[in-house]
């Protein structure tokens, strides 16, 4: 009789262990960019000790040991009608409600606008399905609860059936180029091999410097395009200088003398001797001529 009772008790114990086995019976969550649920789990390392994670655990009433089990069954693509506003990060599950706290200090991953996002989605059990990636709209306020209106109607990327390698799905997608500051990367993993859909919030930061750099690069590219399209004006021909006639000897001026203090020296004009000096000179010539004639006559005699 004892043996008969032992078998049912063992089966019940096995069933309870399987149901509460945590990650071994669960499935996955993003580790890069790090999701809130993984950052604040016992495996989150230094992130788990941040103020935001401590507050999330207090609000939860328990740790996030089952970081890879945040899933909702039978959603079938009706995400916006199933998950309430303000509860997007927890998937509306009370066991994860601490993830919905509106804070601006969650552990975050730095990204660049328009760059390539490289996601690592850790998983313990492989499934087929699609990953849909959303990024909160420009102007998102992290101090307010996340609502569906903060997300675009369509994801910026959809990745279908990636391969599970080394315990994770790894895929890439191009990020929007118009985001700045703190944003939330919202990932929906809708399984096709099960009835489950997984939800996760990864906090990311787009530094202002990166945005300015992208804007400057765009401006430079536009400037180069304008220079290529705008023809350069033809150069204006330089007029040939007219040669100046050399001055005649009679009109040439004497070269100027350099002045040690670099002050220009005024030129003087020589107008020749005055009239009285000329008259005196003529009289002297007549006297000499007369004397010479008289001397010649006396000598002949």
Protein backbone atom coordinates (compact mmCIF):
# COMPACT_ATOMS: atom_id res chain seq x y z
CA UNK A 1 0.00 0.00 0.00
CA UNK A 2 2.86 2.34 0.76
CA UNK A 3 4.32 1.54 -2.61
CA UNK A 4 1.02 2.36 -4.31
CA UNK A 5 0.94 5.82 -2.71
CA UNK A 6 4.54 6.58 -3.54
CA UNK A 7 4.02 6.52 -7.29
CA UNK A 8 1.26 9.20 -7.39
CA UNK A 9 3.19 11.46 -5.04
CA UNK A 10 6.31 11.20 -7.19
CA UNK A 11 4.33 12.05 -10.31
CA UNK A 12 2.78 15.09 -8.65
CA UNK A 13 6.18 16.27 -7.43
CA UNK A 14 7.64 15.90 -10.94
CA UNK A 15 4.74 17.85 -12.42
CA UNK A 16 5.18 20.66 -9.92
CA UNK A 17 8.92 20.90 -10.64
CA UNK A 18 8.28 21.00 -14.37
CA UNK A 19 5.68 23.73 -14.00
CA UNK A 20 7.87 25.89 -11.78
CA UNK A 21 11.21 25.11 -13.36
CA UNK A 22 11.71 28.75 -14.41
CA UNK A 23 14.01 29.40 -17.36
CA UNK A 24 14.37 25.72 -18.19
CA UNK A 25 10.66 25.59 -19.12
CA UNK A 26 10.53 29.12 -20.52
CA UNK A 27 11.61 30.63 -23.80
CA UNK A 28 13.36 34.01 -24.22
CA UNK A 29 13.92 37.77 -24.03
CA UNK A 30 16.30 40.34 -25.56
CA UNK A 31 19.73 40.63 -23.98
CA UNK A 32 21.10 43.11 -26.56
CA UNK A 33 19.79 45.79 -26.43
CA UNK A 34 19.18 44.66 -22.88
CA UNK A 35 15.51 44.30 -21.94
CA UNK A 36 14.16 45.47 -18.61
CA UNK A 37 13.20 41.97 -17.56
CA UNK A 38 16.69 40.57 -18.19
CA UNK A 39 18.55 43.61 -16.79
CA UNK A 40 16.65 43.36 -13.52
CA UNK A 41 16.90 39.57 -13.21
CA UNK A 42 19.43 37.77 -11.02
CA UNK A 43 21.44 37.25 -14.23
CA UNK A 44 21.45 40.97 -15.07
CA UNK A 45 24.81 41.65 -13.41
CA UNK A 46 25.45 45.27 -12.42
CA UNK A 47 22.15 46.35 -14.00
CA UNK A 48 20.21 44.43 -11.37
CA UNK A 49 21.55 46.75 -8.66
CA UNK A 50 20.41 49.99 -10.29
CA UNK A 51 17.74 52.15 -8.67
CA UNK A 52 15.23 51.38 -11.42
CA UNK A 53 15.65 47.61 -11.08
CA UNK A 54 15.43 47.72 -7.29
CA UNK A 55 12.21 49.73 -7.58
CA UNK A 56 10.84 47.27 -10.14
CA UNK A 57 11.51 44.29 -7.85
CA UNK A 58 9.84 46.09 -4.92
CA UNK A 59 6.79 46.88 -7.05
CA UNK A 60 6.74 43.29 -8.25
CA UNK A 61 7.01 41.74 -4.84
CA UNK A 62 9.40 39.14 -6.27
CA UNK A 63 12.54 38.90 -8.41
CA UNK A 64 12.55 38.41 -12.16
CA UNK A 65 14.12 34.97 -12.02
CA UNK A 66 11.82 33.87 -14.87
CA UNK A 67 13.06 36.62 -17.17
CA UNK A 68 12.40 34.45 -20.26
CA UNK A 69 8.81 33.57 -19.49
CA UNK A 70 7.00 36.86 -20.15
CA UNK A 71 4.39 35.48 -22.56
CA UNK A 72 0.67 35.72 -23.22
CA UNK A 73 -1.31 32.93 -24.90
CA UNK A 74 -3.86 33.16 -27.71
CA UNK A 75 -3.23 36.79 -28.70
CA UNK A 76 -2.99 35.90 -32.41
CA UNK A 77 -1.84 39.34 -33.50
CA UNK A 78 -4.45 41.26 -31.50
CA UNK A 79 -1.74 42.94 -29.41
CA UNK A 80 -3.33 46.39 -29.13
CA UNK A 81 -6.67 44.94 -28.06
CA UNK A 82 -5.16 42.46 -25.60
CA UNK A 83 -2.38 44.35 -23.78
CA UNK A 84 -3.67 47.41 -21.87
CA UNK A 85 -2.10 50.88 -22.16
CA UNK A 86 0.48 51.47 -19.48
CA UNK A 87 1.17 47.72 -19.22
CA UNK A 88 3.04 47.08 -22.44
CA UNK A 89 6.33 46.13 -20.77
CA UNK A 90 4.71 43.59 -18.46
CA UNK A 91 2.41 42.21 -21.14
CA UNK A 92 -0.41 42.89 -18.69
CA UNK A 93 0.90 40.12 -16.39
CA UNK A 94 0.82 40.89 -12.62
CA UNK A 95 4.01 38.88 -12.08
CA UNK A 96 5.92 41.47 -14.17
CA UNK A 97 4.11 44.69 -13.24
CA UNK A 98 7.29 46.32 -11.91
CA UNK A 99 8.52 46.62 -15.52
CA UNK A 100 5.82 49.21 -16.26
CA UNK A 101 7.20 51.87 -13.90
CA UNK A 102 7.52 55.21 -15.68
CA UNK A 103 11.17 56.16 -15.10
CA UNK A 104 13.98 57.76 -17.05
CA UNK A 105 16.81 55.80 -15.40
CA UNK A 106 16.24 52.26 -16.66
CA UNK A 107 19.46 50.52 -17.79
CA UNK A 108 19.81 51.60 -21.42
CA UNK A 109 21.79 50.75 -24.55
CA UNK A 110 23.30 53.56 -26.64
CA UNK A 111 22.36 53.54 -30.33
CA UNK A 112 22.91 55.85 -33.29
CA UNK A 113 20.08 57.19 -35.49
CA UNK A 114 19.89 55.40 -38.83
CA UNK A 115 22.51 52.84 -37.79
CA UNK A 116 22.20 49.07 -37.95
CA UNK A 117 20.60 47.48 -34.89
CA UNK A 118 22.09 44.11 -33.98
CA UNK A 119 19.73 42.24 -31.70
CA UNK A 120 20.47 39.20 -29.56
CA UNK A 121 17.33 37.49 -28.32
CA UNK A 122 18.26 34.76 -25.85
CA UNK A 123 16.06 31.69 -25.93
CA UNK A 124 16.04 28.37 -24.11
CA UNK A 125 13.64 26.59 -26.46
CA UNK A 126 13.56 27.10 -30.26
CA UNK A 127 10.32 28.26 -31.88
CA UNK A 128 9.21 29.47 -35.26
CA UNK A 129 7.58 32.88 -35.54
CA UNK A 130 8.12 36.56 -36.33
CA UNK A 131 9.87 39.31 -34.41
CA UNK A 132 8.25 42.74 -34.81
CA UNK A 133 10.35 45.73 -33.75
CA UNK A 134 8.88 49.10 -32.78
CA UNK A 135 10.58 52.30 -31.63
CA UNK A 136 8.70 54.94 -29.67
CA UNK A 137 7.85 58.06 -31.63
CA UNK A 138 9.90 61.30 -31.55
CA UNK A 139 9.01 63.26 -28.43
CA UNK A 140 8.42 60.17 -26.29
CA UNK A 141 8.41 61.04 -22.57
CA UNK A 142 9.90 58.25 -20.41
CA UNK A 143 8.38 59.84 -17.31
CA UNK A 144 4.92 58.75 -18.51
CA UNK A 145 3.52 55.20 -18.77
CA UNK A 146 4.10 53.62 -22.18
CA UNK A 147 0.94 53.45 -24.30
CA UNK A 148 0.17 52.11 -27.74
CA UNK A 149 -0.22 55.66 -29.05
CA UNK A 150 3.51 56.17 -28.39
CA UNK A 151 4.34 53.44 -30.93
CA UNK A 152 3.96 53.75 -34.71
CA UNK A 153 1.17 51.76 -36.32
CA UNK A 154 3.70 49.59 -38.16
CA UNK A 155 7.02 48.13 -36.95
CA UNK A 156 10.22 49.46 -38.48
CA UNK A 157 11.38 45.86 -39.00
CA UNK A 158 9.94 42.35 -39.11
CA UNK A 159 12.19 39.28 -38.93
CA UNK A 160 10.63 35.92 -39.68
CA UNK A 161 11.92 32.55 -38.44
CA UNK A 162 15.53 33.43 -37.62
CA UNK A 163 17.76 30.52 -36.69
CA UNK A 164 18.53 29.74 -33.05
CA UNK A 165 22.31 29.43 -32.64
CA UNK A 166 24.27 29.15 -29.40
CA UNK A 167 21.20 29.83 -27.30
CA UNK A 168 20.03 33.01 -29.06
CA UNK A 169 18.39 34.45 -32.13
CA UNK A 170 20.63 37.06 -33.77
CA UNK A 171 19.42 39.43 -36.47
CA UNK A 172 19.91 42.96 -37.77
CA UNK A 173 17.64 45.84 -38.79
CA UNK A 174 18.11 49.46 -39.84
CA UNK A 175 17.03 51.97 -37.20
CA UNK A 176 14.95 55.08 -37.95
CA UNK A 177 17.13 58.18 -38.37
CA UNK A 178 14.93 60.74 -36.60
CA UNK A 179 15.15 59.72 -32.93
CA UNK A 180 16.95 61.56 -30.13
CA UNK A 181 17.30 61.05 -26.40
CA UNK A 182 15.65 58.17 -24.51
CA UNK A 183 13.37 55.82 -26.40
CA UNK A 184 11.93 52.33 -25.93
CA UNK A 185 12.58 49.48 -28.35
CA UNK A 186 9.44 47.36 -28.11
CA UNK A 187 9.76 43.77 -29.33
CA UNK A 188 6.88 41.43 -30.03
CA UNK A 189 7.74 37.79 -30.73
CA UNK A 190 4.67 36.03 -32.08
CA UNK A 191 5.17 32.28 -32.18
CA UNK A 192 3.73 30.11 -34.92
CA UNK A 193 4.84 26.83 -33.34
CA UNK A 194 2.95 27.68 -30.11
CA UNK A 195 0.01 29.87 -29.13
CA UNK A 196 2.27 32.29 -27.21
CA UNK A 197 3.35 35.86 -27.88
CA UNK A 198 6.28 37.43 -25.99
CA UNK A 199 6.61 41.12 -25.13
CA UNK A 200 9.66 43.09 -24.03
CA UNK A 201 10.87 46.64 -23.48
CA UNK A 202 14.51 47.58 -24.12
CA UNK A 203 15.46 51.11 -23.11
CA UNK A 204 17.79 52.82 -25.60
CA UNK A 205 19.46 56.21 -25.87
CA UNK A 206 20.24 58.20 -29.00
CA UNK A 207 22.89 60.76 -27.97
CA UNK A 208 22.33 64.33 -29.12
CA UNK A 209 25.91 64.43 -30.43
CA UNK A 210 25.15 61.55 -32.78
CA UNK A 211 22.08 63.34 -34.08
CA UNK A 212 24.06 66.53 -34.69
CA UNK A 213 26.75 64.56 -36.48
CA UNK A 214 24.15 62.98 -38.77
CA UNK A 215 22.57 66.38 -39.47
CA UNK A 216 25.96 67.93 -40.24
CA UNK A 217 26.82 65.09 -42.59
CA UNK A 218 23.51 65.52 -44.39
CA UNK A 219 24.13 69.27 -44.71
CA UNK A 220 27.59 68.66 -46.14
CA UNK A 221 26.22 66.18 -48.66
CA UNK A 222 23.57 68.68 -49.76
CA UNK A 223 26.25 71.37 -50.10
CA UNK A 224 28.36 69.13 -52.32
CA UNK A 225 25.31 68.37 -54.45
CA UNK A 226 24.56 72.09 -54.92
CA UNK A 227 28.16 72.77 -55.94
CA UNK A 228 27.99 70.04 -58.55
CA UNK A 229 24.72 71.30 -59.99
CA UNK A 230 25.47 75.05 -59.98
CA UNK A 231 27.76 76.09 -62.91
CA UNK A 232 30.64 78.34 -62.00
CA UNK A 233 30.57 81.82 -63.65
CA UNK A 234 33.13 82.40 -66.42
CA UNK A 235 36.13 84.40 -65.22
CA UNK A 236 36.12 88.09 -66.17
CA UNK A 237 38.99 88.84 -68.63
CA UNK A 238 41.63 91.13 -67.16
CA UNK A 239 42.03 94.31 -69.35
CA UNK A 240 45.47 94.67 -70.98
CA UNK A 241 47.19 97.76 -69.57
CA UNK A 242 47.93 100.54 -72.13
CA UNK A 243 51.70 101.12 -72.42
CA UNK A 244 52.81 104.54 -71.25
CA UNK A 245 55.19 106.50 -73.47
CA UNK A 246 58.61 107.03 -71.98
CA UNK A 247 59.24 110.65 -70.97
CA UNK A 248 61.53 112.72 -73.21
CA UNK A 249 64.86 113.86 -71.77
CA UNK A 250 63.62 117.39 -71.59
CA UNK A 251 60.61 116.53 -69.43
CA UNK A 252 62.06 113.68 -67.30
CA UNK A 253 62.32 114.38 -63.62
CA UNK A 254 65.33 113.55 -61.49
CA UNK A 255 65.01 110.38 -59.39
CA UNK A 256 63.63 110.91 -55.92
CA UNK A 257 66.03 110.58 -53.00
CA UNK A 258 65.09 108.03 -50.36
CA UNK A 259 64.19 109.55 -47.00
CA UNK A 260 65.25 107.56 -43.93
CA UNK A 261 61.95 108.23 -42.16
CA UNK A 262 59.94 107.09 -45.21
CA UNK A 263 58.21 110.44 -45.37
CA UNK A 264 57.60 111.47 -49.03
CA UNK A 265 59.81 114.40 -50.18
CA UNK A 266 58.14 117.10 -52.23
CA UNK A 267 59.65 117.67 -55.70
CA UNK A 268 61.04 121.17 -56.63
CA UNK A 269 60.68 122.65 -60.08
CA UNK A 270 63.77 124.45 -61.58
CA UNK A 271 62.57 127.34 -63.78
CA UNK A 272 66.12 128.53 -64.80
CA UNK A 273 67.98 131.78 -63.97
CA UNK A 274 66.10 135.01 -63.51
CA UNK A 275 66.10 137.86 -66.22
CA UNK A 276 68.66 140.20 -64.52
CA UNK A 277 71.27 137.42 -64.43
CA UNK A 278 70.86 136.88 -68.21
CA UNK A 279 71.29 140.62 -68.99
CA UNK A 280 74.49 140.83 -66.99
CA UNK A 281 75.94 137.88 -68.77
CA UNK A 282 75.27 139.39 -72.23
CA UNK A 283 77.05 142.66 -71.35
CA UNK A 284 80.13 140.76 -70.20
CA UNK A 285 80.30 138.92 -73.51
CA UNK A 286 80.21 142.23 -75.50
CA UNK A 287 83.03 143.72 -73.43
CA UNK A 288 85.21 140.68 -73.96
CA UNK A 289 84.53 140.65 -77.69
CA UNK A 290 85.43 144.35 -78.02
CA UNK A 291 88.67 143.89 -76.11
CA UNK A 292 89.69 140.96 -78.29
CA UNK A 293 89.16 143.05 -81.51
CA UNK A 294 91.19 145.97 -80.17
CA UNK A 295 94.07 143.68 -79.22
CA UNK A 296 94.14 142.15 -82.71
CA UNK A 297 94.33 145.60 -84.41
CA UNK A 298 97.25 146.81 -82.25
CA UNK A 299 99.25 143.68 -82.94
CA UNK A 300 98.97 144.10 -86.71
CA UNK A 301 100.42 147.58 -86.51
